[in-house]
N, C-alpha and C. Protein backbone atom coordinates (compact mmCIF):
# COMPACT_ATOMS: atom_id res chain seq x y z
N UNK A 1 -38.10 -82.90 37.73
CA UNK A 1 -38.95 -81.66 37.74
C UNK A 1 -38.60 -80.75 36.57
N UNK A 2 -37.33 -80.59 36.16
CA UNK A 2 -36.94 -79.89 35.03
C UNK A 2 -37.65 -80.39 33.86
N UNK A 3 -37.84 -81.67 33.60
CA UNK A 3 -38.44 -82.24 32.46
C UNK A 3 -39.82 -81.73 32.21
N UNK A 4 -40.49 -81.72 33.51
CA UNK A 4 -41.91 -81.16 33.34
C UNK A 4 -42.07 -79.74 32.87
N UNK A 5 -40.94 -78.92 33.29
CA UNK A 5 -40.89 -77.51 32.84
C UNK A 5 -40.47 -77.44 31.42
N UNK A 6 -39.81 -78.32 30.77
CA UNK A 6 -39.59 -78.35 29.46
C UNK A 6 -40.81 -78.57 28.64
N UNK A 7 -41.55 -79.70 29.14
CA UNK A 7 -42.93 -79.95 28.48
C UNK A 7 -43.84 -79.02 28.55
N UNK A 8 -43.97 -78.34 29.79
CA UNK A 8 -45.03 -77.27 29.95
C UNK A 8 -44.58 -76.09 28.96
N UNK A 9 -43.37 -75.76 28.96
CA UNK A 9 -42.89 -74.70 28.06
C UNK A 9 -43.36 -74.92 26.48
N UNK A 10 -43.09 -76.13 26.18
CA UNK A 10 -43.26 -76.69 24.82
C UNK A 10 -44.89 -76.50 24.57
N UNK A 11 -45.60 -77.12 25.59
CA UNK A 11 -47.01 -77.05 25.24
C UNK A 11 -47.71 -75.49 25.27
N UNK A 12 -47.09 -74.61 26.08
CA UNK A 12 -47.46 -73.32 26.01
C UNK A 12 -47.09 -72.69 24.72
N UNK A 13 -45.79 -72.93 24.23
CA UNK A 13 -45.35 -72.36 22.87
C UNK A 13 -46.39 -72.89 21.69
N UNK A 14 -46.80 -74.22 21.87
CA UNK A 14 -47.67 -74.60 20.78
C UNK A 14 -48.99 -74.30 20.86
N UNK A 15 -49.54 -73.80 22.02
CA UNK A 15 -50.60 -73.13 22.10
C UNK A 15 -50.69 -71.81 21.77
N UNK A 16 -49.69 -71.16 21.92
CA UNK A 16 -49.45 -69.62 21.61
C UNK A 16 -49.52 -69.59 20.06
N UNK A 17 -48.61 -70.37 19.47
CA UNK A 17 -48.46 -70.41 17.89
C UNK A 17 -49.69 -70.92 17.42
N UNK A 18 -50.52 -71.81 17.91
CA UNK A 18 -52.00 -72.20 17.48
C UNK A 18 -52.79 -71.09 17.33
N UNK A 19 -52.84 -70.32 18.55
CA UNK A 19 -53.77 -69.28 18.63
C UNK A 19 -53.48 -67.98 17.61
N UNK A 20 -52.24 -68.10 16.94
CA UNK A 20 -51.79 -67.18 16.05
C UNK A 20 -52.14 -67.65 14.62
N UNK A 21 -52.63 -68.87 14.56
CA UNK A 21 -52.95 -69.47 13.05
C UNK A 21 -51.73 -69.73 12.47
N UNK A 22 -50.72 -70.22 13.12
CA UNK A 22 -49.44 -70.66 12.42
C UNK A 22 -49.61 -72.13 11.84
N UNK A 23 -48.97 -72.42 10.90
CA UNK A 23 -49.18 -73.73 10.32
C UNK A 23 -48.60 -74.80 11.23
N UNK A 24 -49.29 -76.12 11.05
CA UNK A 24 -48.93 -77.03 11.98
C UNK A 24 -47.45 -77.56 12.02
N UNK A 25 -46.89 -77.50 10.82
CA UNK A 25 -45.37 -77.89 10.66
C UNK A 25 -44.42 -76.98 11.36
N UNK A 26 -44.90 -75.90 11.33
CA UNK A 26 -43.94 -74.82 11.84
C UNK A 26 -44.06 -74.84 13.44
N UNK A 27 -45.45 -75.18 13.96
CA UNK A 27 -45.51 -75.41 15.49
C UNK A 27 -44.84 -76.58 15.83
N UNK A 28 -44.79 -77.64 14.98
CA UNK A 28 -44.22 -78.87 15.47
C UNK A 28 -42.52 -78.66 15.49
N UNK A 29 -42.18 -78.04 14.37
CA UNK A 29 -40.66 -77.61 14.37
C UNK A 29 -40.27 -76.75 15.68
N UNK A 30 -40.92 -75.75 15.75
CA UNK A 30 -40.72 -74.70 16.81
C UNK A 30 -40.73 -75.46 18.30
N UNK A 31 -41.58 -76.35 18.40
CA UNK A 31 -41.76 -76.95 19.69
C UNK A 31 -40.52 -78.00 19.80
N UNK A 32 -40.23 -78.60 18.63
CA UNK A 32 -39.17 -79.68 18.86
C UNK A 32 -37.65 -78.94 18.97
N UNK A 33 -37.50 -77.70 18.55
CA UNK A 33 -36.28 -77.10 18.59
C UNK A 33 -36.18 -76.57 20.01
N UNK A 34 -37.34 -76.04 20.37
CA UNK A 34 -37.37 -75.57 22.06
C UNK A 34 -37.13 -76.61 22.88
N UNK A 35 -37.67 -77.85 22.76
CA UNK A 35 -37.45 -79.02 23.54
C UNK A 35 -35.91 -79.45 23.53
N UNK A 36 -35.35 -79.54 22.33
CA UNK A 36 -33.89 -79.89 22.28
C UNK A 36 -33.03 -78.97 23.03
N UNK A 37 -33.34 -77.58 22.85
CA UNK A 37 -32.45 -76.55 23.45
C UNK A 37 -32.67 -76.54 24.86
N UNK A 38 -33.81 -76.62 25.31
CA UNK A 38 -34.06 -76.59 26.77
C UNK A 38 -33.52 -77.84 27.51
N UNK A 39 -33.53 -78.99 26.93
CA UNK A 39 -33.07 -80.34 27.42
C UNK A 39 -31.65 -80.25 27.59
N UNK A 40 -30.96 -79.71 26.42
CA UNK A 40 -29.56 -79.57 26.49
C UNK A 40 -28.95 -78.74 27.59
N UNK A 41 -29.69 -77.78 27.74
CA UNK A 41 -29.39 -76.60 28.88
C UNK A 41 -29.58 -77.30 30.30
N UNK A 42 -30.66 -78.02 30.34
CA UNK A 42 -30.92 -78.64 31.70
C UNK A 42 -29.87 -79.91 31.99
N UNK A 43 -29.47 -80.60 30.79
CA UNK A 43 -28.45 -81.67 31.06
C UNK A 43 -27.09 -81.16 31.34
N UNK A 44 -26.78 -80.04 30.69
CA UNK A 44 -25.39 -79.38 30.74
C UNK A 44 -25.40 -78.85 32.31
N UNK A 45 -26.46 -78.26 32.60
CA UNK A 45 -26.38 -77.65 34.10
C UNK A 45 -26.24 -78.87 35.16
N UNK A 46 -26.88 -79.96 34.83
CA UNK A 46 -26.70 -81.08 35.81
C UNK A 46 -25.21 -81.66 35.74
N UNK A 47 -24.62 -81.56 34.62
CA UNK A 47 -23.20 -82.12 34.49
C UNK A 47 -22.37 -81.20 35.40
N UNK A 48 -22.56 -79.84 35.09
CA UNK A 48 -21.68 -78.82 35.88
C UNK A 48 -21.69 -79.09 37.42
N UNK A 49 -23.10 -79.46 37.75
CA UNK A 49 -23.22 -79.65 39.32
C UNK A 49 -22.81 -80.93 39.67
N UNK A 50 -22.54 -81.77 38.94
CA UNK A 50 -21.80 -83.08 39.27
C UNK A 50 -23.07 -84.06 39.48
N UNK A 51 -24.19 -83.85 38.96
CA UNK A 51 -25.29 -84.80 39.30
C UNK A 51 -26.23 -84.85 38.27
């Protein structure tokens, strides 16, 4: 379920940036960085909980 949240946040971020007429490469970069950071947080939280 956490993965769906990461994907949803990335999609929302992309839509917001697109509505602000941001260049495509910046949108791709921003969503990629967001996805990496949130995935790392979710993974590390799972490691701390032992599962």
